[in-house]
PDB file of N, CA and C in Angstrom:
ATOM      1  N   UNK A   1      14.332  24.007  10.391  1.00  0.00           N
ATOM      2  CA  UNK A   1      13.609  22.625  10.543  1.00  0.00           C
ATOM      3  C   UNK A   1      13.306  22.767   9.170  1.00  0.00           C
ATOM      4  N   UNK A   2      13.716  21.480   8.739  1.00  0.00           N
ATOM      5  CA  UNK A   2      13.090  21.423   7.169  1.00  0.00           C
ATOM      6  C   UNK A   2      11.638  20.354   7.352  1.00  0.00           C
ATOM      7  N   UNK A   3      11.007  20.867   6.615  1.00  0.00           N
ATOM      8  CA  UNK A   3       9.575  20.519   6.443  1.00  0.00           C
ATOM      9  C   UNK A   3       9.421  18.887   5.530  1.00  0.00           C
ATOM     10  N   UNK A   4       8.626  18.075   5.681  1.00  0.00           N
ATOM     11  CA  UNK A   4       8.835  17.028   4.877  1.00  0.00           C
ATOM     12  C   UNK A   4       7.553  17.105   3.862  1.00  0.00           C
ATOM     13  N   UNK A   5       7.784  17.167   2.624  1.00  0.00           N
ATOM     14  CA  UNK A   5       6.840  17.651   1.361  1.00  0.00           C
ATOM     15  C   UNK A   5       5.489  16.956   1.476  1.00  0.00           C
ATOM     16  N   UNK A   6       4.429  17.352   1.202  1.00  0.00           N
ATOM     17  CA  UNK A   6       3.039  16.229   1.797  1.00  0.00           C
ATOM     18  C   UNK A   6       2.769  15.070   1.073  1.00  0.00           C
ATOM     19  N   UNK A   7       3.625  14.984  -0.552  1.00  0.00           N
ATOM     20  CA  UNK A   7       3.650  13.822  -1.055  1.00  0.00           C
ATOM     21  C   UNK A   7       3.861  12.839   0.129  1.00  0.00           C
ATOM     22  N   UNK A   8       5.036  13.125   0.481  1.00  0.00           N
ATOM     23  CA  UNK A   8       6.457  11.925   0.939  1.00  0.00           C
ATOM     24  C   UNK A   8       5.195  11.586   2.272  1.00  0.00           C
ATOM     25  N   UNK A   9       4.750  12.335   2.969  1.00  0.00           N
ATOM     26  CA  UNK A   9       3.762  12.172   4.005  1.00  0.00           C
ATOM     27  C   UNK A   9       2.692  11.444   3.884  1.00  0.00           C
ATOM     28  N   UNK A  10       1.639  12.201   2.574  1.00  0.00           N
ATOM     29  CA  UNK A  10       0.927  11.161   2.415  1.00  0.00           C
ATOM     30  C   UNK A  10       0.585   9.592   1.838  1.00  0.00           C
ATOM     31  N   UNK A  11       1.736   9.612   1.158  1.00  0.00           N
ATOM     32  CA  UNK A  11       2.102   8.010   0.853  1.00  0.00           C
ATOM     33  C   UNK A  11       2.580   7.170   1.522  1.00  0.00           C
ATOM     34  N   UNK A  12       3.291   7.682   2.769  1.00  0.00           N
ATOM     35  CA  UNK A  12       3.762   6.530   4.018  1.00  0.00           C
ATOM     36  C   UNK A  12       2.341   6.491   5.176  1.00  0.00           C
ATOM     37  N   UNK A  13       1.291   7.352   4.694  1.00  0.00           N
ATOM     38  CA  UNK A  13       0.236   7.319   5.305  1.00  0.00           C
ATOM     39  C   UNK A  13      -0.544   6.685   4.761  1.00  0.00           C
ATOM     40  N   UNK A  14      -0.712   6.230   3.769  1.00  0.00           N
ATOM     41  CA  UNK A  14      -1.386   5.351   2.648  1.00  0.00           C
ATOM     42  C   UNK A  14      -0.990   3.784   2.960  1.00  0.00           C
ATOM     43  N   UNK A  15       0.562   4.026   2.846  1.00  0.00           N
ATOM     44  CA  UNK A  15       1.064   2.674   3.256  1.00  0.00           C
ATOM     45  C   UNK A  15       0.483   1.989   4.589  1.00  0.00           C
ATOM     46  N   UNK A  16       1.113   2.884   5.001  1.00  0.00           N
ATOM     47  CA  UNK A  16       0.361   2.310   6.971  1.00  0.00           C
ATOM     48  C   UNK A  16      -0.705   1.977   6.729  1.00  0.00           C
ATOM     49  N   UNK A  17      -1.547   2.644   6.485  1.00  0.00           N
ATOM     50  CA  UNK A  17      -3.347   2.169   6.544  1.00  0.00           C
ATOM     51  C   UNK A  17      -3.556   0.863   5.781  1.00  0.00           C
ATOM     52  N   UNK A  18      -2.974   1.262   4.819  1.00  0.00           N
ATOM     53  CA  UNK A  18      -2.967  -0.200   3.827  1.00  0.00           C
ATOM     54  C   UNK A  18      -2.258  -1.401   4.096  1.00  0.00           C
ATOM     55  N   UNK A  19      -1.116  -1.385   5.233  1.00  0.00           N
ATOM     56  CA  UNK A  19      -0.543  -2.638   5.680  1.00  0.00           C
ATOM     57  C   UNK A  19      -1.516  -3.254   6.923  1.00  0.00           C
ATOM     58  N   UNK A  20      -1.705  -1.910   7.485  1.00  0.00           N
ATOM     59  CA  UNK A  20      -2.810  -2.471   8.448  1.00  0.00           C
ATOM     60  C   UNK A  20      -3.989  -2.952   8.812  1.00  0.00           C
ATOM     61  N   UNK A  21      -4.287  -2.917   7.259  1.00  0.00           N
ATOM     62  CA  UNK A  21      -5.807  -3.827   6.864  1.00  0.00           C
ATOM     63  C   UNK A  21      -4.998  -5.035   5.959  1.00  0.00           C
ATOM     64  N   UNK A  22      -4.026  -5.283   6.391  1.00  0.00           N
ATOM     65  CA  UNK A  22      -3.303  -6.656   5.579  1.00  0.00           C
ATOM     66  C   UNK A  22      -4.102  -6.576   3.801  1.00  0.00           C
ATOM     67  N   UNK A  23      -3.732  -5.260   3.564  1.00  0.00           N
ATOM     68  CA  UNK A  23      -4.297  -5.197   1.669  1.00  0.00           C
ATOM     69  C   UNK A  23      -2.630  -4.696   0.921  1.00  0.00           C
ATOM     70  N   UNK A  24      -2.589  -5.842  -0.034  1.00  0.00           N
ATOM     71  CA  UNK A  24      -1.493  -5.846  -0.821  1.00  0.00           C
ATOM     72  C   UNK A  24      -1.358  -4.477  -1.955  1.00  0.00           C
ATOM     73  N   UNK A  25      -0.161  -3.941  -2.610  1.00  0.00           N
ATOM     74  CA  UNK A  25      -0.802  -3.115  -3.646  1.00  0.00           C
ATOM     75  C   UNK A  25      -1.737  -3.109  -4.459  1.00  0.00           C
ATOM     76  N   UNK A  26      -1.346  -4.321  -4.669  1.00  0.00           N
ATOM     77  CA  UNK A  26      -2.486  -4.643  -6.103  1.00  0.00           C
ATOM     78  C   UNK A  26      -3.881  -4.500  -5.744  1.00  0.00           C
ATOM     79  N   UNK A  27      -4.308  -5.048  -4.331  1.00  0.00           N
ATOM     80  CA  UNK A  27      -5.458  -5.159  -3.923  1.00  0.00           C
ATOM     81  C   UNK A  27      -6.193  -3.661  -3.339  1.00  0.00           C
ATOM     82  N   UNK A  28      -5.212  -2.710  -3.012  1.00  0.00           N
ATOM     83  CA  UNK A  28      -5.978  -1.308  -2.862  1.00  0.00           C
ATOM     84  C   UNK A  28      -6.065  -0.742  -3.927  1.00  0.00           C
ATOM     85  N   UNK A  29      -4.916  -0.746  -4.852  1.00  0.00           N
ATOM     86  CA  UNK A  29      -5.134  -0.383  -6.187  1.00  0.00           C
ATOM     87  C   UNK A  29      -6.471  -0.877  -6.965  1.00  0.00           C
ATOM     88  N   UNK A  30      -6.548  -1.842  -6.851  1.00  0.00           N
ATOM     89  CA  UNK A  30      -7.784  -2.488  -7.380  1.00  0.00           C
ATOM     90  C   UNK A  30      -9.424  -2.342  -7.046  1.00  0.00           C
ATOM     91  N   UNK A  31      -9.046  -1.931  -5.643  1.00  0.00           N
ATOM     92  CA  UNK A  31     -10.293  -1.527  -5.029  1.00  0.00           C
ATOM     93  C   UNK A  31     -10.602  -0.072  -5.175  1.00  0.00           C
ATOM     94  N   UNK A  32      -9.049   1.005  -5.840  1.00  0.00           N
ATOM     95  CA  UNK A  32      -9.714   2.342  -5.640  1.00  0.00           C
ATOM     96  C   UNK A  32      -9.756   2.581  -6.980  1.00  0.00           C
ATOM     97  N   UNK A  33      -9.655   1.533  -7.986  1.00  0.00           N
ATOM     98  CA  UNK A  33      -9.820   1.745  -9.530  1.00  0.00           C
ATOM     99  C   UNK A  33      -8.380   2.811  -9.989  1.00  0.00           C
ATOM    100  N   UNK A  34      -7.396   2.516  -9.671  1.00  0.00           N
ATOM    101  CA  UNK A  34      -6.368   3.222  -9.995  1.00  0.00           C
ATOM    102  C   UNK A  34      -5.047   1.788 -10.442  1.00  0.00           C
ATOM    103  N   UNK A  35      -3.501   2.350 -10.938  1.00  0.00           N
ATOM    104  CA  UNK A  35      -3.095   1.642 -11.526  1.00  0.00           C
ATOM    105  C   UNK A  35      -2.153   1.064 -10.328  1.00  0.00           C
ATOM    106  N   UNK A  36      -1.598  -0.454 -10.403  1.00  0.00           N
ATOM    107  CA  UNK A  36      -0.643  -0.532  -9.113  1.00  0.00           C
ATOM    108  C   UNK A  36       0.329   0.502  -9.041  1.00  0.00           C
ATOM    109  N   UNK A  37       1.571   0.616 -10.350  1.00  0.00           N
ATOM    110  CA  UNK A  37       2.331   1.466 -10.261  1.00  0.00           C
ATOM    111  C   UNK A  37       1.819   2.836  -9.676  1.00  0.00           C
ATOM    112  N   UNK A  38       1.055   3.256  -9.795  1.00  0.00           N
ATOM    113  CA  UNK A  38       0.558   4.682  -9.373  1.00  0.00           C
ATOM    114  C   UNK A  38       0.312   4.445  -7.948  1.00  0.00           C
ATOM    115  N   UNK A  39      -0.156   3.553  -7.879  1.00  0.00           N
ATOM    116  CA  UNK A  39       0.008   3.578  -5.781  1.00  0.00           C
ATOM    117  C   UNK A  39       1.064   3.468  -5.554  1.00  0.00           C
ATOM    118  N   UNK A  40       2.080   2.584  -6.162  1.00  0.00           N
ATOM    119  CA  UNK A  40       3.337   2.252  -5.425  1.00  0.00           C
ATOM    120  C   UNK A  40       3.934   3.546  -5.398  1.00  0.00           C
ATOM    121  N   UNK A  41       3.722   4.823  -6.451  1.00  0.00           N
ATOM    122  CA  UNK A  41       4.622   5.810  -6.767  1.00  0.00           C
ATOM    123  C   UNK A  41       4.278   6.507  -5.946  1.00  0.00           C
ATOM    124  N   UNK A  42       2.556   6.476  -5.381  1.00  0.00           N
ATOM    125  CA  UNK A  42       2.340   7.689  -4.415  1.00  0.00           C
ATOM    126  C   UNK A  42       2.732   7.286  -2.523  1.00  0.00           C
ATOM    127  N   UNK A  43       2.556   5.813  -2.822  1.00  0.00           N
ATOM    128  CA  UNK A  43       3.263   5.407  -1.404  1.00  0.00           C
ATOM    129  C   UNK A  43       4.923   5.968  -1.398  1.00  0.00           C
ATOM    130  N   UNK A  44       5.501   5.955  -2.448  1.00  0.00           N
ATOM    131  CA  UNK A  44       7.122   6.594  -2.106  1.00  0.00           C
ATOM    132  C   UNK A  44       7.292   7.767  -2.356  1.00  0.00           C
ATOM    133  N   UNK A  45       6.400   8.688  -2.586  1.00  0.00           N
ATOM    134  CA  UNK A  45       6.192  10.001  -2.504  1.00  0.00           C
ATOM    135  C   UNK A  45       6.700  10.501  -3.764  1.00  0.00           C
ATOM    136  N   UNK A  46       6.207  10.054  -4.796  1.00  0.00           N
ATOM    137  CA  UNK A  46       6.742  10.059  -6.478  1.00  0.00           C
ATOM    138  C   UNK A  46       5.640  11.137  -7.354  1.00  0.00           C
ATOM    139  N   UNK A  47       4.733  10.409  -6.478  1.00  0.00           N
ATOM    140  CA  UNK A  47       3.444  10.839  -7.183  1.00  0.00           C
ATOM    141  C   UNK A  47       2.778  12.138  -6.577  1.00  0.00           C
ATOM    142  N   UNK A  48       2.064  12.938  -7.308  1.00  0.00           N
ATOM    143  CA  UNK A  48       1.225  14.199  -6.766  1.00  0.00           C
ATOM    144  C   UNK A  48      -0.337  13.550  -6.913  1.00  0.00           C
ATOM    145  N   UNK A  49      -0.973  13.163  -6.223  1.00  0.00           N
ATOM    146  CA  UNK A  49      -1.987  12.609  -6.496  1.00  0.00           C
ATOM    147  C   UNK A  49      -2.840  13.781  -6.431  1.00  0.00           C
ATOM    148  N   UNK A  50      -4.281  13.569  -7.530  1.00  0.00           N
ATOM    149  CA  UNK A  50      -5.053  14.683  -7.539  1.00  0.00           C
ATOM    150  C   UNK A  50      -6.229  14.122  -6.086  1.00  0.00           C
ATOM    151  N   UNK A  51      -7.199  15.061  -6.237  1.00  0.00           N
ATOM    152  CA  UNK A  51      -7.955  14.842  -4.725  1.00  0.00           C
ATOM    153  C   UNK A  51      -8.861  14.029  -4.723  1.00  0.00           C
ATOM    154  N   UNK A  52      -8.911  13.377  -6.174  1.00  0.00           N
ATOM    155  CA  UNK A  52      -9.998  12.722  -6.528  1.00  0.00           C
ATOM    156  C   UNK A  52      -9.847  11.546  -6.548  1.00  0.00           C
ATOM    157  N   UNK A  53      -8.088  11.250  -6.766  1.00  0.00           N
ATOM    158  CA  UNK A  53      -7.226   9.942  -6.346  1.00  0.00           C
ATOM    159  C   UNK A  53      -7.360   9.722  -4.424  1.00  0.00           C
ATOM    160  N   UNK A  54      -7.143  10.567  -4.048  1.00  0.00           N
ATOM    161  CA  UNK A  54      -7.364  10.430  -2.816  1.00  0.00           C
ATOM    162  C   UNK A  54      -8.271  10.358  -2.267  1.00  0.00           C
ATOM    163  N   UNK A  55      -9.580  10.706  -2.608  1.00  0.00           N
ATOM    164  CA  UNK A  55     -10.865  10.372  -2.375  1.00  0.00           C
ATOM    165  C   UNK A  55     -11.332   8.555  -2.698  1.00  0.00           C
ATOM    166  N   UNK A  56     -10.435   8.231  -3.866  1.00  0.00           N
ATOM    167  CA  UNK A  56     -10.608   6.841  -3.872  1.00  0.00           C
ATOM    168  C   UNK A  56      -9.649   6.214  -3.091  1.00  0.00           C
ATOM    169  N   UNK A  57      -8.684   6.749  -2.847  1.00  0.00           N
ATOM    170  CA  UNK A  57      -7.850   5.582  -1.942  1.00  0.00           C
ATOM    171  C   UNK A  57      -8.987   5.572  -0.696  1.00  0.00           C
ATOM    172  N   UNK A  58      -9.220   6.923   0.013  1.00  0.00           N
ATOM    173  CA  UNK A  58      -9.685   6.827   1.002  1.00  0.00           C
ATOM    174  C   UNK A  58     -10.578   5.989   1.072  1.00  0.00           C
ATOM    175  N   UNK A  59     -11.636   5.904   0.482  1.00  0.00           N
ATOM    176  CA  UNK A  59     -12.964   5.038   0.681  1.00  0.00           C
ATOM    177  C   UNK A  59     -12.800   3.914   0.107  1.00  0.00           C
ATOM    178  N   UNK A  60     -11.349   3.384  -0.935  1.00  0.00           N
ATOM    179  CA  UNK A  60     -11.239   1.946  -0.521  1.00  0.00           C
ATOM    180  C   UNK A  60     -10.801   1.584   0.628  1.00  0.00           C
ATOM    181  N   UNK A  61      -9.949   2.306   1.446  1.00  0.00           N
ATOM    182  CA  UNK A  61      -9.443   1.922   3.120  1.00  0.00           C
ATOM    183  C   UNK A  61     -10.015   2.328   4.062  1.00  0.00           C
ATOM    184  N   UNK A  62     -11.450   2.854   3.544  1.00  0.00           N
ATOM    185  CA  UNK A  62     -12.615   2.959   4.842  1.00  0.00           C
ATOM    186  C   UNK A  62     -12.259   4.107   5.498  1.00  0.00           C
ATOM    187  N   UNK A  63     -11.850   4.711   5.280  1.00  0.00           N
ATOM    188  CA  UNK A  63     -11.671   6.385   6.198  1.00  0.00           C
ATOM    189  C   UNK A  63     -11.934   7.331   5.186  1.00  0.00           C
ATOM    190  N   UNK A  64     -12.299   8.984   5.957  1.00  0.00           N
ATOM    191  CA  UNK A  64     -12.688   9.965   5.216  1.00  0.00           C
ATOM    192  C   UNK A  64     -10.903  10.680   4.875  1.00  0.00           C
ATOM    193  N   UNK A  65     -11.465  11.380   3.518  1.00  0.00           N
ATOM    194  CA  UNK A  65     -10.221  11.833   3.343  1.00  0.00           C
ATOM    195  C   UNK A  65      -9.551  12.791   4.379  1.00  0.00           C
ATOM    196  N   UNK A  66      -9.554  13.015   4.996  1.00  0.00           N
ATOM    197  CA  UNK A  66      -9.346  14.118   5.839  1.00  0.00           C
ATOM    198  C   UNK A  66      -8.066  13.306   6.353  1.00  0.00           C
ATOM    199  N   UNK A  67      -8.427  12.285   7.323  1.00  0.00           N
ATOM    200  CA  UNK A  67      -7.446  10.979   7.672  1.00  0.00           C
ATOM    201  C   UNK A  67      -5.981  10.608   7.148  1.00  0.00           C
ATOM    202  N   UNK A  68      -6.043  10.815   6.067  1.00  0.00           N
ATOM    203  CA  UNK A  68      -4.984  11.077   5.180  1.00  0.00           C
ATOM    204  C   UNK A  68      -3.643  12.064   5.565  1.00  0.00           C
ATOM    205  N   UNK A  69      -4.219  13.155   6.162  1.00  0.00           N
ATOM    206  CA  UNK A  69      -3.819  14.321   6.630  1.00  0.00           C
ATOM    207  C   UNK A  69      -3.214  14.402   7.834  1.00  0.00           C
ATOM    208  N   UNK A  70      -3.407  13.350   8.515  1.00  0.00           N
ATOM    209  CA  UNK A  70      -3.224  13.563  10.115  1.00  0.00           C
ATOM    210  C   UNK A  70      -2.521  12.510  10.758  1.00  0.00           C
ATOM    211  N   UNK A  71      -1.659  13.415  11.589  1.00  0.00           N
ATOM    212  CA  UNK A  71      -0.267  12.891  12.041  1.00  0.00           C
ATOM    213  C   UNK A  71      -0.331  11.238  12.589  1.00  0.00           C
TER     214      UNK A  71
END
């Protein structure tokens, strides 16, 4: 069985949570203090975000960082 890269899994989860909160990429990036292009890359699974960036994103989404790893 082929396992998906964690960057793809996390990126999809962030996109799902962002859309569920009716946030644009620009809005979430602003709230998290990161560049919108960087967020877009994270959501596409092309970036390897640091733990500090994941914490910023989870805070902006109103969730615990561990929720990004839940199915």
